[in-house]
């Protein structure tokens, strides 16, 4: 008898777990799985909706807008998500709710989540009047994901530049698809900032090779900076390094071409004078 009581108690203990697992399997016993929650929202405990407006898509969206403007982020998320999930058939309204969810994630500095919402909006609503805004925000969100410089970590120019490249690619894609957008000036500024970061990374690596006497590696990085980022303020220094590398590699003719390019770019600049001096000293 005691043995049966133990078995029954164990079954009662694990029954809720079994139901929870079954509920997560779509199509089991005629039950459908709940819609997936957006990435990055696991820690959010959303408030209850106002039941008096929950069945009205326009009133639900309007309440979300009120909460959004008041920076009541979780309340706004609850209403916008409700609009997206319950009133998906109203495509224009659901699209506006999705865009707002991206804006909220961005405001909360959840840039990866924001980027996901913006990319989804562009993908599924390419003809929407706000598609250009969402496409621009994809690049901006990616840029905001770039790690900052902390005093106890290496500078960002010494780290993997993949996040910078992501932001650059997204911003260039935006310019290609929306050349008349009012967000073009901001996107161009973003691209310039990405180029500056990548140019500084190239310079860092060039100096890394210089300290170790790896002249071919140094030359490759210096030349790459000049070719890929011609508007960078680091171009004169890169041409000086290229001059130095060519001389170390016994290619005085190529070094002279570097100096000529430097002289054309900045006739009386510091790096031009230094390049001329080492060229004149070369045998």
C-alpha atoms as a PDB file:
ATOM      1  CA  UNK A   1       0.000   0.000   0.000  1.00  0.00           C
ATOM      2  CA  UNK A   2       2.761   2.399   0.956  1.00  0.00           C
ATOM      3  CA  UNK A   3       4.520   1.649  -2.357  1.00  0.00           C
ATOM      4  CA  UNK A   4       1.421   2.645  -4.333  1.00  0.00           C
ATOM      5  CA  UNK A   5       1.116   5.873  -2.368  1.00  0.00           C
ATOM      6  CA  UNK A   6       4.692   6.782  -3.285  1.00  0.00           C
ATOM      7  CA  UNK A   7       4.024   6.119  -6.981  1.00  0.00           C
ATOM      8  CA  UNK A   8       0.811   8.175  -6.984  1.00  0.00           C
ATOM      9  CA  UNK A   9       2.575  11.070  -5.198  1.00  0.00           C
ATOM     10  CA  UNK A  10       5.386  11.018  -7.750  1.00  0.00           C
ATOM     11  CA  UNK A  11       2.921  11.130 -10.636  1.00  0.00           C
ATOM     12  CA  UNK A  12       1.115  14.057  -9.053  1.00  0.00           C
ATOM     13  CA  UNK A  13       4.440  15.891  -8.625  1.00  0.00           C
ATOM     14  CA  UNK A  14       5.521  15.496 -12.248  1.00  0.00           C
ATOM     15  CA  UNK A  15       2.099  16.043 -13.851  1.00  0.00           C
ATOM     16  CA  UNK A  16       2.486  19.863 -14.105  1.00  0.00           C
ATOM     17  CA  UNK A  17       5.930  19.426 -15.696  1.00  0.00           C
ATOM     18  CA  UNK A  18       4.504  16.960 -18.208  1.00  0.00           C
ATOM     19  CA  UNK A  19       1.692  19.359 -19.107  1.00  0.00           C
ATOM     20  CA  UNK A  20       4.152  22.217 -19.519  1.00  0.00           C
ATOM     21  CA  UNK A  21       6.308  20.146 -21.854  1.00  0.00           C
ATOM     22  CA  UNK A  22       3.284  19.006 -23.843  1.00  0.00           C
ATOM     23  CA  UNK A  23       2.054  22.587 -24.139  1.00  0.00           C
ATOM     24  CA  UNK A  24       5.317  23.540 -25.840  1.00  0.00           C
ATOM     25  CA  UNK A  25       4.750  21.039 -28.673  1.00  0.00           C
ATOM     26  CA  UNK A  26       2.616  22.495 -31.404  1.00  0.00           C
ATOM     27  CA  UNK A  27       0.033  20.152 -32.869  1.00  0.00           C
ATOM     28  CA  UNK A  28      -0.082  17.805 -29.892  1.00  0.00           C
ATOM     29  CA  UNK A  29      -3.659  16.951 -28.854  1.00  0.00           C
ATOM     30  CA  UNK A  30      -5.012  19.732 -31.063  1.00  0.00           C
ATOM     31  CA  UNK A  31      -3.104  22.394 -29.112  1.00  0.00           C
ATOM     32  CA  UNK A  32      -1.010  24.966 -30.901  1.00  0.00           C
ATOM     33  CA  UNK A  33       2.183  26.360 -29.416  1.00  0.00           C
ATOM     34  CA  UNK A  34       2.121  30.003 -28.286  1.00  0.00           C
ATOM     35  CA  UNK A  35       3.720  32.554 -30.618  1.00  0.00           C
ATOM     36  CA  UNK A  36       7.470  32.962 -30.034  1.00  0.00           C
ATOM     37  CA  UNK A  37       8.551  35.885 -27.901  1.00  0.00           C
ATOM     38  CA  UNK A  38      10.942  38.387 -29.457  1.00  0.00           C
ATOM     39  CA  UNK A  39      14.613  37.874 -28.728  1.00  0.00           C
ATOM     40  CA  UNK A  40      15.993  39.600 -25.675  1.00  0.00           C
ATOM     41  CA  UNK A  41      12.620  39.950 -23.892  1.00  0.00           C
ATOM     42  CA  UNK A  42      12.870  36.954 -21.563  1.00  0.00           C
ATOM     43  CA  UNK A  43      13.413  39.159 -18.504  1.00  0.00           C
ATOM     44  CA  UNK A  44      10.432  41.420 -19.259  1.00  0.00           C
ATOM     45  CA  UNK A  45       7.356  40.874 -17.119  1.00  0.00           C
ATOM     46  CA  UNK A  46       4.633  42.699 -19.022  1.00  0.00           C
ATOM     47  CA  UNK A  47       1.646  44.295 -17.325  1.00  0.00           C
ATOM     48  CA  UNK A  48      -1.959  43.246 -17.912  1.00  0.00           C
ATOM     49  CA  UNK A  49      -3.873  44.889 -20.755  1.00  0.00           C
ATOM     50  CA  UNK A  50      -6.928  47.056 -20.264  1.00  0.00           C
ATOM     51  CA  UNK A  51      -9.642  44.515 -21.056  1.00  0.00           C
ATOM     52  CA  UNK A  52     -12.057  47.245 -22.144  1.00  0.00           C
ATOM     53  CA  UNK A  53      -9.931  47.981 -25.232  1.00  0.00           C
ATOM     54  CA  UNK A  54      -8.132  44.656 -25.756  1.00  0.00           C
ATOM     55  CA  UNK A  55     -10.486  43.631 -28.583  1.00  0.00           C
ATOM     56  CA  UNK A  56     -10.130  46.919 -30.435  1.00  0.00           C
ATOM     57  CA  UNK A  57      -6.945  47.067 -32.572  1.00  0.00           C
ATOM     58  CA  UNK A  58      -6.959  50.841 -33.021  1.00  0.00           C
ATOM     59  CA  UNK A  59      -7.559  51.614 -29.352  1.00  0.00           C
ATOM     60  CA  UNK A  60      -4.907  49.069 -28.352  1.00  0.00           C
ATOM     61  CA  UNK A  61      -2.395  50.684 -30.686  1.00  0.00           C
ATOM     62  CA  UNK A  62      -3.338  54.166 -29.495  1.00  0.00           C
ATOM     63  CA  UNK A  63      -2.756  53.094 -25.882  1.00  0.00           C
ATOM     64  CA  UNK A  64       0.608  51.718 -26.904  1.00  0.00           C
ATOM     65  CA  UNK A  65       1.460  55.092 -28.441  1.00  0.00           C
ATOM     66  CA  UNK A  66       0.495  56.874 -25.234  1.00  0.00           C
ATOM     67  CA  UNK A  67       2.713  54.594 -23.191  1.00  0.00           C
ATOM     68  CA  UNK A  68       5.511  54.943 -25.747  1.00  0.00           C
ATOM     69  CA  UNK A  69       5.474  58.740 -25.556  1.00  0.00           C
ATOM     70  CA  UNK A  70       5.508  58.531 -21.763  1.00  0.00           C
ATOM     71  CA  UNK A  71       8.510  56.157 -21.918  1.00  0.00           C
ATOM     72  CA  UNK A  72       6.517  53.482 -20.129  1.00  0.00           C
ATOM     73  CA  UNK A  73       8.336  50.852 -22.123  1.00  0.00           C
ATOM     74  CA  UNK A  74       6.870  47.646 -20.718  1.00  0.00           C
ATOM     75  CA  UNK A  75       3.301  48.920 -20.993  1.00  0.00           C
ATOM     76  CA  UNK A  76       3.956  50.001 -24.565  1.00  0.00           C
ATOM     77  CA  UNK A  77       5.530  46.637 -25.407  1.00  0.00           C
ATOM     78  CA  UNK A  78       2.466  44.843 -24.023  1.00  0.00           C
ATOM     79  CA  UNK A  79       0.077  46.753 -26.292  1.00  0.00           C
ATOM     80  CA  UNK A  80       2.211  46.727 -29.427  1.00  0.00           C
ATOM     81  CA  UNK A  81       2.923  43.029 -29.078  1.00  0.00           C
ATOM     82  CA  UNK A  82      -0.804  42.436 -28.532  1.00  0.00           C
ATOM     83  CA  UNK A  83      -1.557  44.291 -31.774  1.00  0.00           C
ATOM     84  CA  UNK A  84       1.043  42.290 -33.681  1.00  0.00           C
ATOM     85  CA  UNK A  85      -0.157  38.925 -32.404  1.00  0.00           C
ATOM     86  CA  UNK A  86      -3.940  39.319 -32.210  1.00  0.00           C
ATOM     87  CA  UNK A  87      -4.525  41.657 -35.143  1.00  0.00           C
ATOM     88  CA  UNK A  88      -1.910  40.402 -37.595  1.00  0.00           C
ATOM     89  CA  UNK A  89      -4.583  40.478 -40.321  1.00  0.00           C
ATOM     90  CA  UNK A  90      -4.483  44.285 -40.147  1.00  0.00           C
ATOM     91  CA  UNK A  91      -1.121  44.390 -41.871  1.00  0.00           C
ATOM     92  CA  UNK A  92      -0.525  48.171 -41.855  1.00  0.00           C
ATOM     93  CA  UNK A  93      -1.329  48.448 -38.145  1.00  0.00           C
ATOM     94  CA  UNK A  94       0.670  45.341 -37.211  1.00  0.00           C
ATOM     95  CA  UNK A  95       3.620  46.745 -39.194  1.00  0.00           C
ATOM     96  CA  UNK A  96       3.449  50.035 -37.247  1.00  0.00           C
ATOM     97  CA  UNK A  97       3.419  48.052 -34.007  1.00  0.00           C
ATOM     98  CA  UNK A  98       6.481  46.068 -35.109  1.00  0.00           C
ATOM     99  CA  UNK A  99       8.343  49.265 -35.924  1.00  0.00           C
ATOM    100  CA  UNK A 100       7.475  50.695 -32.534  1.00  0.00           C
ATOM    101  CA  UNK A 101       8.801  47.565 -30.833  1.00  0.00           C
ATOM    102  CA  UNK A 102      12.075  48.180 -32.646  1.00  0.00           C
ATOM    103  CA  UNK A 103      12.107  51.786 -31.434  1.00  0.00           C
ATOM    104  CA  UNK A 104      11.468  50.682 -27.868  1.00  0.00           C
ATOM    105  CA  UNK A 105      14.276  48.114 -27.977  1.00  0.00           C
ATOM    106  CA  UNK A 106      16.579  50.810 -29.380  1.00  0.00           C
ATOM    107  CA  UNK A 107      15.581  53.266 -26.633  1.00  0.00           C
ATOM    108  CA  UNK A 108      16.302  50.572 -24.041  1.00  0.00           C
ATOM    109  CA  UNK A 109      19.739  50.051 -25.645  1.00  0.00           C
ATOM    110  CA  UNK A 110      18.853  46.497 -26.656  1.00  0.00           C
ATOM    111  CA  UNK A 111      20.403  47.104 -30.033  1.00  0.00           C
ATOM    112  CA  UNK A 112      20.514  43.492 -31.195  1.00  0.00           C
ATOM    113  CA  UNK A 113      16.798  43.130 -30.537  1.00  0.00           C
ATOM    114  CA  UNK A 114      16.082  46.463 -32.222  1.00  0.00           C
ATOM    115  CA  UNK A 115      18.093  45.430 -35.251  1.00  0.00           C
ATOM    116  CA  UNK A 116      16.034  42.245 -35.521  1.00  0.00           C
ATOM    117  CA  UNK A 117      12.759  44.168 -35.518  1.00  0.00           C
ATOM    118  CA  UNK A 118      14.009  46.669 -38.109  1.00  0.00           C
ATOM    119  CA  UNK A 119      15.348  43.960 -40.419  1.00  0.00           C
ATOM    120  CA  UNK A 120      12.070  42.070 -40.165  1.00  0.00           C
ATOM    121  CA  UNK A 121      10.135  45.233 -41.017  1.00  0.00           C
ATOM    122  CA  UNK A 122      12.231  45.891 -44.132  1.00  0.00           C
ATOM    123  CA  UNK A 123      11.982  42.267 -45.225  1.00  0.00           C
ATOM    124  CA  UNK A 124       8.224  41.907 -44.889  1.00  0.00           C
ATOM    125  CA  UNK A 125       7.152  45.486 -45.651  1.00  0.00           C
ATOM    126  CA  UNK A 126       9.570  46.724 -48.341  1.00  0.00           C
ATOM    127  CA  UNK A 127       6.978  49.050 -49.891  1.00  0.00           C
ATOM    128  CA  UNK A 128       5.942  50.617 -46.600  1.00  0.00           C
ATOM    129  CA  UNK A 129       6.566  54.394 -46.481  1.00  0.00           C
ATOM    130  CA  UNK A 130       8.737  53.885 -43.400  1.00  0.00           C
ATOM    131  CA  UNK A 131      10.891  51.118 -44.858  1.00  0.00           C
ATOM    132  CA  UNK A 132      13.733  53.594 -45.394  1.00  0.00           C
ATOM    133  CA  UNK A 133      13.643  54.583 -41.721  1.00  0.00           C
ATOM    134  CA  UNK A 134      13.793  50.935 -40.658  1.00  0.00           C
ATOM    135  CA  UNK A 135      16.647  50.209 -43.086  1.00  0.00           C
ATOM    136  CA  UNK A 136      18.649  53.164 -41.762  1.00  0.00           C
ATOM    137  CA  UNK A 137      18.020  51.990 -38.203  1.00  0.00           C
ATOM    138  CA  UNK A 138      19.405  48.534 -39.050  1.00  0.00           C
ATOM    139  CA  UNK A 139      22.796  50.143 -39.659  1.00  0.00           C
ATOM    140  CA  UNK A 140      22.520  52.484 -36.689  1.00  0.00           C
ATOM    141  CA  UNK A 141      21.595  49.608 -34.364  1.00  0.00           C
ATOM    142  CA  UNK A 142      24.558  47.593 -35.628  1.00  0.00           C
ATOM    143  CA  UNK A 143      26.846  50.579 -35.014  1.00  0.00           C
ATOM    144  CA  UNK A 144      25.560  51.000 -31.463  1.00  0.00           C
ATOM    145  CA  UNK A 145      26.437  47.336 -30.845  1.00  0.00           C
ATOM    146  CA  UNK A 146      30.136  48.070 -31.396  1.00  0.00           C
ATOM    147  CA  UNK A 147      31.896  47.594 -28.038  1.00  0.00           C
ATOM    148  CA  UNK A 148      33.151  50.760 -26.422  1.00  0.00           C
ATOM    149  CA  UNK A 149      36.585  51.326 -24.940  1.00  0.00           C
ATOM    150  CA  UNK A 150      36.911  50.408 -21.264  1.00  0.00           C
ATOM    151  CA  UNK A 151      40.007  51.306 -19.263  1.00  0.00           C
ATOM    152  CA  UNK A 152      40.670  47.666 -18.360  1.00  0.00           C
ATOM    153  CA  UNK A 153      40.243  46.312 -21.894  1.00  0.00           C
ATOM    154  CA  UNK A 154      42.251  46.754 -25.097  1.00  0.00           C
ATOM    155  CA  UNK A 155      41.121  49.673 -27.302  1.00  0.00           C
ATOM    156  CA  UNK A 156      38.357  48.835 -29.769  1.00  0.00           C
ATOM    157  CA  UNK A 157      40.739  49.258 -32.714  1.00  0.00           C
ATOM    158  CA  UNK A 158      42.635  46.211 -31.446  1.00  0.00           C
ATOM    159  CA  UNK A 159      39.507  44.029 -31.405  1.00  0.00           C
ATOM    160  CA  UNK A 160      37.632  42.111 -34.074  1.00  0.00           C
ATOM    161  CA  UNK A 161      36.082  44.629 -36.469  1.00  0.00           C
ATOM    162  CA  UNK A 162      33.166  42.402 -37.540  1.00  0.00           C
ATOM    163  CA  UNK A 163      30.559  44.605 -35.777  1.00  0.00           C
ATOM    164  CA  UNK A 164      31.931  47.656 -37.585  1.00  0.00           C
ATOM    165  CA  UNK A 165      31.742  45.843 -40.913  1.00  0.00           C
ATOM    166  CA  UNK A 166      28.141  44.844 -40.155  1.00  0.00           C
ATOM    167  CA  UNK A 167      27.195  48.464 -39.542  1.00  0.00           C
ATOM    168  CA  UNK A 168      29.048  49.581 -42.667  1.00  0.00           C
ATOM    169  CA  UNK A 169      27.401  46.957 -44.877  1.00  0.00           C
ATOM    170  CA  UNK A 170      23.922  47.755 -43.564  1.00  0.00           C
ATOM    171  CA  UNK A 171      24.438  51.492 -44.096  1.00  0.00           C
ATOM    172  CA  UNK A 172      25.765  51.006 -47.624  1.00  0.00           C
ATOM    173  CA  UNK A 173      22.795  48.771 -48.417  1.00  0.00           C
ATOM    174  CA  UNK A 174      20.506  51.506 -47.149  1.00  0.00           C
ATOM    175  CA  UNK A 175      22.122  54.082 -49.468  1.00  0.00           C
ATOM    176  CA  UNK A 176      21.846  51.718 -52.427  1.00  0.00           C
ATOM    177  CA  UNK A 177      18.127  51.090 -51.894  1.00  0.00           C
ATOM    178  CA  UNK A 178      16.988  54.500 -50.630  1.00  0.00           C
ATOM    179  CA  UNK A 179      19.155  57.181 -52.280  1.00  0.00           C
ATOM    180  CA  UNK A 180      16.402  59.808 -51.909  1.00  0.00           C
ATOM    181  CA  UNK A 181      15.656  59.135 -48.247  1.00  0.00           C
ATOM    182  CA  UNK A 182      15.895  62.031 -45.776  1.00  0.00           C
ATOM    183  CA  UNK A 183      18.098  59.734 -43.674  1.00  0.00           C
ATOM    184  CA  UNK A 184      20.863  59.697 -46.304  1.00  0.00           C
ATOM    185  CA  UNK A 185      22.984  62.392 -44.568  1.00  0.00           C
ATOM    186  CA  UNK A 186      22.904  60.450 -41.280  1.00  0.00           C
ATOM    187  CA  UNK A 187      23.776  57.218 -43.072  1.00  0.00           C
ATOM    188  CA  UNK A 188      26.734  58.862 -44.807  1.00  0.00           C
ATOM    189  CA  UNK A 189      27.971  60.158 -41.473  1.00  0.00           C
ATOM    190  CA  UNK A 190      27.636  56.648 -40.055  1.00  0.00           C
ATOM    191  CA  UNK A 191      29.626  55.232 -42.965  1.00  0.00           C
ATOM    192  CA  UNK A 192      32.360  57.829 -42.402  1.00  0.00           C
ATOM    193  CA  UNK A 193      32.549  56.818 -38.725  1.00  0.00           C
ATOM    194  CA  UNK A 194      32.816  53.151 -39.694  1.00  0.00           C
ATOM    195  CA  UNK A 195      35.528  53.960 -42.219  1.00  0.00           C
ATOM    196  CA  UNK A 196      37.442  55.883 -39.563  1.00  0.00           C
ATOM    197  CA  UNK A 197      37.314  52.926 -37.169  1.00  0.00           C
ATOM    198  CA  UNK A 198      38.446  50.504 -39.854  1.00  0.00           C
ATOM    199  CA  UNK A 199      41.215  52.855 -40.985  1.00  0.00           C
ATOM    200  CA  UNK A 200      42.491  53.152 -37.405  1.00  0.00           C
ATOM    201  CA  UNK A 201      42.471  49.385 -37.135  1.00  0.00           C
ATOM    202  CA  UNK A 202      44.557  49.122 -40.313  1.00  0.00           C
ATOM    203  CA  UNK A 203      46.981  51.676 -38.896  1.00  0.00           C
ATOM    204  CA  UNK A 204      47.228  49.771 -35.617  1.00  0.00           C
ATOM    205  CA  UNK A 205      48.096  46.562 -37.468  1.00  0.00           C
ATOM    206  CA  UNK A 206      50.582  48.394 -39.698  1.00  0.00           C
ATOM    207  CA  UNK A 207      52.430  49.671 -36.623  1.00  0.00           C
ATOM    208  CA  UNK A 208      52.246  46.182 -35.121  1.00  0.00           C
ATOM    209  CA  UNK A 209      54.180  44.866 -38.124  1.00  0.00           C
ATOM    210  CA  UNK A 210      56.528  47.865 -38.076  1.00  0.00           C
ATOM    211  CA  UNK A 211      57.634  47.128 -34.499  1.00  0.00           C
ATOM    212  CA  UNK A 212      58.481  43.568 -35.534  1.00  0.00           C
ATOM    213  CA  UNK A 213      60.250  44.486 -38.769  1.00  0.00           C
ATOM    214  CA  UNK A 214      57.601  42.716 -40.861  1.00  0.00           C
ATOM    215  CA  UNK A 215      57.846  45.097 -43.789  1.00  0.00           C
ATOM    216  CA  UNK A 216      55.619  43.237 -46.232  1.00  0.00           C
ATOM    217  CA  UNK A 217      52.808  43.037 -43.695  1.00  0.00           C
ATOM    218  CA  UNK A 218      53.271  46.692 -42.837  1.00  0.00           C
ATOM    219  CA  UNK A 219      53.178  47.647 -46.518  1.00  0.00           C
ATOM    220  CA  UNK A 220      50.049  45.585 -47.138  1.00  0.00           C
ATOM    221  CA  UNK A 221      48.182  47.348 -44.331  1.00  0.00           C
ATOM    222  CA  UNK A 222      49.405  50.845 -45.221  1.00  0.00           C
ATOM    223  CA  UNK A 223      48.531  50.424 -48.896  1.00  0.00           C
ATOM    224  CA  UNK A 224      45.177  48.920 -47.955  1.00  0.00           C
ATOM    225  CA  UNK A 225      44.329  51.939 -45.817  1.00  0.00           C
ATOM    226  CA  UNK A 226      45.165  54.344 -48.647  1.00  0.00           C
ATOM    227  CA  UNK A 227      43.122  52.408 -51.204  1.00  0.00           C
ATOM    228  CA  UNK A 228      40.065  51.614 -49.115  1.00  0.00           C
ATOM    229  CA  UNK A 229      39.796  54.800 -47.043  1.00  0.00           C
ATOM    230  CA  UNK A 230      41.104  57.641 -49.250  1.00  0.00           C
ATOM    231  CA  UNK A 231      39.192  60.272 -47.254  1.00  0.00           C
ATOM    232  CA  UNK A 232      40.740  59.234 -43.938  1.00  0.00           C
ATOM    233  CA  UNK A 233      42.945  61.671 -42.049  1.00  0.00           C
ATOM    234  CA  UNK A 234      45.356  58.774 -41.598  1.00  0.00           C
ATOM    235  CA  UNK A 235      46.236  58.566 -45.296  1.00  0.00           C
ATOM    236  CA  UNK A 236      49.366  60.805 -45.016  1.00  0.00           C
ATOM    237  CA  UNK A 237      50.765  58.683 -42.197  1.00  0.00           C
ATOM    238  CA  UNK A 238      49.913  55.518 -44.136  1.00  0.00           C
ATOM    239  CA  UNK A 239      51.805  56.819 -47.179  1.00  0.00           C
ATOM    240  CA  UNK A 240      54.787  57.575 -44.951  1.00  0.00           C
ATOM    241  CA  UNK A 241      54.701  54.016 -43.623  1.00  0.00           C
ATOM    242  CA  UNK A 242      54.429  52.708 -47.182  1.00  0.00           C
ATOM    243  CA  UNK A 243      57.498  54.786 -48.104  1.00  0.00           C
ATOM    244  CA  UNK A 244      59.395  53.355 -45.179  1.00  0.00           C
ATOM    245  CA  UNK A 245      58.350  49.786 -46.008  1.00  0.00           C
ATOM    246  CA  UNK A 246      59.315  50.121 -49.677  1.00  0.00           C
ATOM    247  CA  UNK A 247      62.742  51.421 -48.697  1.00  0.00           C
ATOM    248  CA  UNK A 248      63.231  48.532 -46.263  1.00  0.00           C
ATOM    249  CA  UNK A 249      62.279  46.187 -49.099  1.00  0.00           C
ATOM    250  CA  UNK A 250      64.829  47.920 -51.383  1.00  0.00           C
ATOM    251  CA  UNK A 251      62.231  49.349 -53.758  1.00  0.00           C
ATOM    252  CA  UNK A 252      63.275  52.982 -53.981  1.00  0.00           C
ATOM    253  CA  UNK A 253      61.211  53.595 -57.112  1.00  0.00           C
ATOM    254  CA  UNK A 254      57.969  52.623 -55.329  1.00  0.00           C
ATOM    255  CA  UNK A 255      59.018  54.709 -52.328  1.00  0.00           C
ATOM    256  CA  UNK A 256      59.461  57.709 -54.616  1.00  0.00           C
ATOM    257  CA  UNK A 257      55.917  57.202 -55.921  1.00  0.00           C
ATOM    258  CA  UNK A 258      54.624  57.214 -52.348  1.00  0.00           C
ATOM    259  CA  UNK A 259      56.428  60.495 -51.669  1.00  0.00           C
ATOM    260  CA  UNK A 260      55.052  62.016 -54.870  1.00  0.00           C
ATOM    261  CA  UNK A 261      51.520  61.067 -53.824  1.00  0.00           C
ATOM    262  CA  UNK A 262      52.141  62.513 -50.377  1.00  0.00           C
ATOM    263  CA  UNK A 263      53.503  65.738 -51.845  1.00  0.00           C
ATOM    264  CA  UNK A 264      50.397  66.102 -53.981  1.00  0.00           C
ATOM    265  CA  UNK A 265      48.122  65.438 -51.017  1.00  0.00           C
ATOM    266  CA  UNK A 266      49.885  67.537 -48.357  1.00  0.00           C
ATOM    267  CA  UNK A 267      52.896  69.426 -49.774  1.00  0.00           C
ATOM    268  CA  UNK A 268      54.074  70.810 -46.438  1.00  0.00           C
ATOM    269  CA  UNK A 269      52.614  68.193 -44.122  1.00  0.00           C
ATOM    270  CA  UNK A 270      54.557  66.525 -41.307  1.00  0.00           C
ATOM    271  CA  UNK A 271      54.449  63.071 -42.900  1.00  0.00           C
ATOM    272  CA  UNK A 272      55.450  64.464 -46.288  1.00  0.00           C
ATOM    273  CA  UNK A 273      58.561  66.060 -44.827  1.00  0.00           C
ATOM    274  CA  UNK A 274      59.486  62.862 -42.984  1.00  0.00           C
ATOM    275  CA  UNK A 275      58.958  60.767 -46.118  1.00  0.00           C
ATOM    276  CA  UNK A 276      61.131  63.087 -48.195  1.00  0.00           C
ATOM    277  CA  UNK A 277      63.866  62.916 -45.555  1.00  0.00           C
ATOM    278  CA  UNK A 278      64.070  59.112 -45.424  1.00  0.00           C
ATOM    279  CA  UNK A 279      63.910  58.907 -49.222  1.00  0.00           C
ATOM    280  CA  UNK A 280      66.807  61.388 -49.517  1.00  0.00           C
ATOM    281  CA  UNK A 281      68.848  59.334 -47.028  1.00  0.00           C
ATOM    282  CA  UNK A 282      68.225  56.066 -48.832  1.00  0.00           C
ATOM    283  CA  UNK A 283      71.069  54.676 -50.908  1.00  0.00           C
END
